């Protein structure tokens, strides 16, 4: 019996790393896809990830290209920037001050 030659399967495993790791991975995926002719990361046979990588893998599995992910999360246009602003992910002191206004210490909370 002769074995038929099939197209090789391609899989991608993405690591976690929180919001900043996701931003880094989106950039790396954009560069990878743009540098390899014919590569369509949103059409891989298997794509898995943990934490932030799982979010990106879910996007790729739902036919969201790395460039579309970049446009949605890193370079938002119009009102999208009001919904998701990556600047708050960096832990700027002003953001932490804003959070402190909404979080009361356990001793100050009513029972």
N, C-alpha and C. Protein backbone atom coordinates (compact mmCIF):
# COMPACT_ATOMS: atom_id res chain seq x y z
N UNK A 1 0.84 -1.16 0.00
CA UNK A 1 0.00 0.00 0.00
C UNK A 1 0.89 1.24 0.00
N UNK A 2 0.56 2.15 -0.85
CA UNK A 2 1.35 3.36 -0.99
C UNK A 2 0.74 4.49 -0.16
N UNK A 3 1.57 5.12 0.61
CA UNK A 3 1.11 6.22 1.47
C UNK A 3 1.03 7.51 0.65
N UNK A 4 -0.11 8.17 0.73
CA UNK A 4 -0.25 9.43 0.01
C UNK A 4 0.40 10.55 0.79
N UNK A 5 0.99 11.43 0.07
CA UNK A 5 1.67 12.56 0.71
C UNK A 5 0.63 13.65 1.01
N UNK A 6 0.63 14.08 2.24
CA UNK A 6 -0.31 15.12 2.64
C UNK A 6 0.44 16.39 2.98
N UNK A 7 -0.28 17.47 2.99
CA UNK A 7 0.30 18.76 3.35
C UNK A 7 0.74 18.71 4.81
N UNK A 8 1.92 19.23 5.14
CA UNK A 8 2.34 19.20 6.55
C UNK A 8 1.41 20.06 7.42
N UNK A 9 1.22 19.62 8.63
CA UNK A 9 0.40 20.38 9.58
C UNK A 9 1.29 21.37 10.32
N UNK A 10 0.71 22.52 10.59
CA UNK A 10 1.45 23.57 11.28
C UNK A 10 0.70 23.94 12.55
N UNK A 11 1.43 24.01 13.67
CA UNK A 11 0.84 24.37 14.95
C UNK A 11 1.61 25.55 15.54
N UNK A 12 0.92 26.29 16.39
CA UNK A 12 1.53 27.43 17.05
C UNK A 12 1.17 27.39 18.52
N UNK A 13 2.15 27.54 19.40
CA UNK A 13 1.92 27.60 20.84
C UNK A 13 2.37 28.97 21.32
N UNK A 14 1.46 29.69 21.99
CA UNK A 14 1.73 31.05 22.45
C UNK A 14 1.82 31.08 23.97
N UNK A 15 2.80 31.78 24.48
CA UNK A 15 3.02 31.90 25.92
C UNK A 15 2.14 32.99 26.51
N UNK A 16 2.11 33.03 27.83
CA UNK A 16 1.39 34.09 28.53
C UNK A 16 2.30 35.30 28.66
N UNK A 17 2.04 36.09 29.67
CA UNK A 17 2.88 37.27 29.88
C UNK A 17 2.07 38.51 30.19
N UNK A 18 0.80 38.32 30.46
CA UNK A 18 -0.04 39.46 30.80
C UNK A 18 -0.28 40.36 29.60
N UNK A 19 -0.83 41.53 29.86
CA UNK A 19 -1.16 42.45 28.77
C UNK A 19 0.05 42.89 27.96
N UNK A 20 1.15 43.17 28.63
CA UNK A 20 2.34 43.59 27.88
C UNK A 20 2.92 42.45 27.07
N UNK A 21 2.82 41.23 27.58
CA UNK A 21 3.25 40.06 26.81
C UNK A 21 2.39 39.87 25.58
N UNK A 22 1.08 40.10 25.71
CA UNK A 22 0.18 39.98 24.56
C UNK A 22 0.53 41.02 23.50
N UNK A 23 0.83 42.23 23.93
CA UNK A 23 1.19 43.28 22.98
C UNK A 23 2.48 42.90 22.25
N UNK A 24 3.44 42.37 23.00
CA UNK A 24 4.71 41.92 22.39
C UNK A 24 4.44 40.79 21.39
N UNK A 25 3.62 39.82 21.77
CA UNK A 25 3.35 38.68 20.90
C UNK A 25 2.59 39.10 19.64
N UNK A 26 1.67 40.04 19.77
CA UNK A 26 0.96 40.53 18.58
C UNK A 26 1.96 41.14 17.60
N UNK A 27 2.88 41.94 18.11
CA UNK A 27 3.90 42.53 17.25
C UNK A 27 4.78 41.48 16.59
N UNK A 28 5.17 40.48 17.36
CA UNK A 28 6.00 39.40 16.80
C UNK A 28 5.24 38.61 15.74
N UNK A 29 3.95 38.34 15.98
CA UNK A 29 3.14 37.62 15.00
C UNK A 29 2.95 38.44 13.73
N UNK A 30 2.76 39.75 13.87
CA UNK A 30 2.66 40.62 12.68
C UNK A 30 3.94 40.54 11.86
N UNK A 31 5.09 40.66 12.52
CA UNK A 31 6.37 40.60 11.81
C UNK A 31 6.59 39.25 11.16
N UNK A 32 6.24 38.17 11.87
CA UNK A 32 6.41 36.83 11.33
C UNK A 32 5.55 36.64 10.08
N UNK A 33 4.29 37.04 10.15
CA UNK A 33 3.40 36.86 9.01
C UNK A 33 3.83 37.70 7.81
N UNK A 34 4.30 38.92 8.09
CA UNK A 34 4.73 39.80 6.99
C UNK A 34 6.05 39.34 6.37
N UNK A 35 6.88 38.63 7.11
CA UNK A 35 8.19 38.23 6.59
C UNK A 35 8.18 36.89 5.86
N UNK A 36 7.17 36.07 6.09
CA UNK A 36 7.10 34.75 5.44
C UNK A 36 5.96 34.73 4.43
N UNK A 37 6.32 34.71 3.14
CA UNK A 37 5.30 34.69 2.09
C UNK A 37 4.41 33.45 2.21
N UNK A 38 3.12 33.67 2.08
CA UNK A 38 2.17 32.56 2.09
C UNK A 38 1.75 32.10 3.47
N UNK A 39 2.33 32.65 4.52
CA UNK A 39 1.95 32.25 5.88
C UNK A 39 0.69 33.00 6.31
N UNK A 40 -0.31 32.25 6.70
CA UNK A 40 -1.55 32.83 7.21
C UNK A 40 -1.76 32.28 8.62
N UNK A 41 -1.30 33.02 9.61
CA UNK A 41 -1.36 32.53 10.99
C UNK A 41 -2.79 32.28 11.46
N UNK A 42 -3.76 32.93 10.87
CA UNK A 42 -5.16 32.72 11.26
C UNK A 42 -5.76 31.50 10.56
N UNK A 43 -4.93 30.76 9.81
CA UNK A 43 -5.40 29.53 9.14
C UNK A 43 -4.54 28.32 9.50
N UNK A 44 -3.92 28.33 10.65
CA UNK A 44 -3.08 27.21 11.07
C UNK A 44 -3.94 26.00 11.42
N UNK A 45 -3.30 24.83 11.43
CA UNK A 45 -4.02 23.62 11.80
C UNK A 45 -4.35 23.59 13.29
N UNK A 46 -3.42 24.04 14.12
CA UNK A 46 -3.61 24.07 15.57
C UNK A 46 -2.99 25.34 16.13
N UNK A 47 -3.67 25.94 17.08
CA UNK A 47 -3.14 27.13 17.74
C UNK A 47 -3.58 27.08 19.20
N UNK A 48 -2.62 27.08 20.11
CA UNK A 48 -2.92 27.00 21.53
C UNK A 48 -2.13 28.06 22.28
N UNK A 49 -2.57 28.38 23.48
CA UNK A 49 -1.84 29.33 24.28
C UNK A 49 -2.30 29.32 25.72
N UNK A 50 -1.50 29.91 26.57
CA UNK A 50 -1.87 30.06 27.98
C UNK A 50 -1.98 31.53 28.29
N UNK A 51 -2.93 31.88 29.14
CA UNK A 51 -3.12 33.24 29.60
C UNK A 51 -3.29 34.18 28.42
N UNK A 52 -2.45 35.20 28.30
CA UNK A 52 -2.56 36.15 27.19
C UNK A 52 -2.41 35.44 25.85
N UNK A 53 -1.57 34.43 25.80
CA UNK A 53 -1.41 33.65 24.57
C UNK A 53 -2.68 32.91 24.19
N UNK A 54 -3.46 32.50 25.20
CA UNK A 54 -4.74 31.86 24.93
C UNK A 54 -5.72 32.81 24.28
N UNK A 55 -5.69 34.07 24.71
CA UNK A 55 -6.54 35.09 24.11
C UNK A 55 -6.16 35.29 22.64
N UNK A 56 -4.87 35.36 22.37
CA UNK A 56 -4.42 35.53 20.99
C UNK A 56 -4.73 34.29 20.15
N UNK A 57 -4.54 33.10 20.73
CA UNK A 57 -4.86 31.87 20.01
C UNK A 57 -6.35 31.80 19.67
N UNK A 58 -7.20 32.25 20.60
CA UNK A 58 -8.63 32.27 20.34
C UNK A 58 -8.95 33.22 19.19
N UNK A 59 -8.26 34.35 19.15
CA UNK A 59 -8.46 35.29 18.05
C UNK A 59 -8.04 34.69 16.72
N UNK A 60 -6.86 34.06 16.69
CA UNK A 60 -6.40 33.42 15.45
C UNK A 60 -7.35 32.31 15.02
N UNK A 61 -7.85 31.55 16.00
CA UNK A 61 -8.79 30.48 15.70
C UNK A 61 -10.12 30.98 15.16
N UNK A 62 -10.42 32.24 15.41
CA UNK A 62 -11.65 32.85 14.90
C UNK A 62 -11.36 33.77 13.72
N UNK A 63 -10.29 33.48 13.01
CA UNK A 63 -9.91 34.15 11.76
C UNK A 63 -9.56 35.62 11.93
N UNK A 64 -9.08 36.02 13.12
CA UNK A 64 -8.60 37.37 13.31
C UNK A 64 -7.10 37.35 13.03
N UNK A 65 -6.68 38.09 12.04
CA UNK A 65 -5.26 38.12 11.66
C UNK A 65 -4.46 38.89 12.72
N UNK A 66 -3.16 38.66 12.78
CA UNK A 66 -2.34 39.43 13.72
C UNK A 66 -2.46 40.94 13.48
N UNK A 67 -2.55 41.36 12.23
CA UNK A 67 -2.68 42.79 11.92
C UNK A 67 -4.01 43.33 12.47
N UNK A 68 -5.10 42.57 12.35
CA UNK A 68 -6.39 42.99 12.91
C UNK A 68 -6.32 43.06 14.43
N UNK A 69 -5.61 42.11 15.04
CA UNK A 69 -5.43 42.16 16.49
C UNK A 69 -4.65 43.38 16.92
N UNK A 70 -3.64 43.73 16.14
CA UNK A 70 -2.85 44.94 16.42
C UNK A 70 -3.73 46.18 16.31
N UNK A 71 -4.54 46.24 15.27
CA UNK A 71 -5.42 47.41 15.09
C UNK A 71 -6.45 47.52 16.20
N UNK A 72 -6.89 46.39 16.72
CA UNK A 72 -7.92 46.41 17.76
C UNK A 72 -7.35 46.75 19.14
N UNK A 73 -6.17 46.22 19.47
CA UNK A 73 -5.66 46.35 20.83
C UNK A 73 -4.49 47.33 21.00
N UNK A 74 -3.71 47.52 19.96
CA UNK A 74 -2.53 48.36 20.10
C UNK A 74 -2.71 49.72 19.43
N UNK A 75 -3.35 49.73 18.26
CA UNK A 75 -3.54 50.96 17.50
C UNK A 75 -5.03 51.22 17.27
N UNK A 76 -5.83 51.32 18.32
CA UNK A 76 -7.27 51.49 18.12
C UNK A 76 -7.60 52.83 17.46
N UNK A 77 -8.67 52.82 16.67
CA UNK A 77 -9.12 54.02 15.97
C UNK A 77 -10.49 54.43 16.51
N UNK A 78 -10.77 55.71 16.53
CA UNK A 78 -12.09 56.20 16.90
C UNK A 78 -12.46 55.88 18.33
N UNK A 79 -13.70 55.46 18.55
CA UNK A 79 -14.20 55.23 19.90
C UNK A 79 -13.60 53.99 20.54
N UNK A 80 -12.99 53.12 19.75
CA UNK A 80 -12.37 51.92 20.33
C UNK A 80 -11.30 52.30 21.34
N UNK A 81 -10.61 53.42 21.13
CA UNK A 81 -9.56 53.83 22.06
C UNK A 81 -10.15 54.23 23.41
N UNK A 82 -11.40 54.60 23.42
CA UNK A 82 -12.04 54.93 24.69
C UNK A 82 -12.42 53.67 25.47
N UNK A 83 -12.65 52.58 24.74
CA UNK A 83 -13.02 51.32 25.38
C UNK A 83 -11.80 50.58 25.88
N UNK A 84 -10.75 50.53 25.09
CA UNK A 84 -9.53 49.79 25.45
C UNK A 84 -8.34 50.70 25.26
N UNK A 85 -7.76 51.16 26.32
CA UNK A 85 -6.57 52.02 26.26
C UNK A 85 -5.43 51.29 26.94
N UNK A 86 -4.50 50.70 26.17
CA UNK A 86 -3.41 49.91 26.76
C UNK A 86 -2.55 50.67 27.76
N UNK A 87 -2.57 52.00 27.76
CA UNK A 87 -1.72 52.76 28.68
C UNK A 87 -2.00 52.41 30.14
N UNK A 88 -3.25 52.08 30.47
CA UNK A 88 -3.54 51.78 31.87
C UNK A 88 -2.92 50.46 32.32
N UNK A 89 -2.47 49.64 31.38
CA UNK A 89 -1.88 48.35 31.72
C UNK A 89 -0.46 48.47 32.26
N UNK A 90 0.17 49.58 32.02
CA UNK A 90 1.57 49.72 32.42
C UNK A 90 1.75 50.05 33.89
N UNK A 91 0.66 50.31 34.61
CA UNK A 91 0.77 50.61 36.04
C UNK A 91 1.26 52.00 36.31
N UNK A 92 0.93 52.94 35.46
CA UNK A 92 1.34 54.33 35.71
C UNK A 92 0.84 54.74 37.08
N UNK A 93 1.56 55.57 37.81
CA UNK A 93 1.11 56.01 39.13
C UNK A 93 -0.25 56.69 39.12
N UNK A 94 -0.56 57.47 38.07
CA UNK A 94 -1.86 58.15 38.01
C UNK A 94 -2.99 57.14 37.98
N UNK A 95 -2.78 56.05 37.28
CA UNK A 95 -3.81 55.01 37.22
C UNK A 95 -3.97 54.36 38.59
N UNK A 96 -2.86 54.11 39.25
CA UNK A 96 -2.93 53.50 40.57
C UNK A 96 -3.63 54.43 41.56
N UNK A 97 -3.41 55.74 41.42
CA UNK A 97 -4.11 56.71 42.26
C UNK A 97 -5.61 56.66 42.00
N UNK A 98 -6.00 56.56 40.73
CA UNK A 98 -7.42 56.46 40.39
C UNK A 98 -8.03 55.21 41.00
N UNK A 99 -7.29 54.10 40.97
CA UNK A 99 -7.81 52.87 41.55
C UNK A 99 -7.97 53.00 43.07
N UNK A 100 -7.05 53.71 43.70
CA UNK A 100 -7.10 53.87 45.15
C UNK A 100 -8.37 54.60 45.58
N UNK A 101 -8.91 55.43 44.72
CA UNK A 101 -10.15 56.14 45.05
C UNK A 101 -11.34 55.19 45.14
N UNK A 102 -11.25 54.06 44.43
CA UNK A 102 -12.37 53.13 44.36
C UNK A 102 -12.22 51.92 45.28
N UNK A 103 -11.05 51.74 45.85
CA UNK A 103 -10.80 50.58 46.70
C UNK A 103 -10.58 51.05 48.13
N UNK A 104 -11.40 50.55 49.03
CA UNK A 104 -11.25 50.92 50.44
C UNK A 104 -10.47 49.83 51.18
N UNK A 105 -9.64 50.22 52.12
CA UNK A 105 -8.96 49.20 52.93
C UNK A 105 -9.99 48.37 53.68
N UNK A 106 -9.63 47.14 54.00
CA UNK A 106 -10.54 46.23 54.67
C UNK A 106 -11.08 46.83 55.98
N UNK A 107 -10.24 47.57 56.71
CA UNK A 107 -10.66 48.15 57.98
C UNK A 107 -11.74 49.22 57.79
N UNK A 108 -11.77 49.86 56.64
CA UNK A 108 -12.73 50.93 56.40
C UNK A 108 -14.06 50.42 55.83
N UNK A 109 -14.10 49.14 55.42
CA UNK A 109 -15.32 48.59 54.83
C UNK A 109 -16.32 48.23 55.93
N UNK A 110 -17.60 48.54 55.69
CA UNK A 110 -18.61 48.12 56.68
C UNK A 110 -18.77 46.60 56.65
N UNK A 111 -19.10 46.02 57.79
CA UNK A 111 -19.30 44.57 57.88
C UNK A 111 -20.65 44.14 57.42
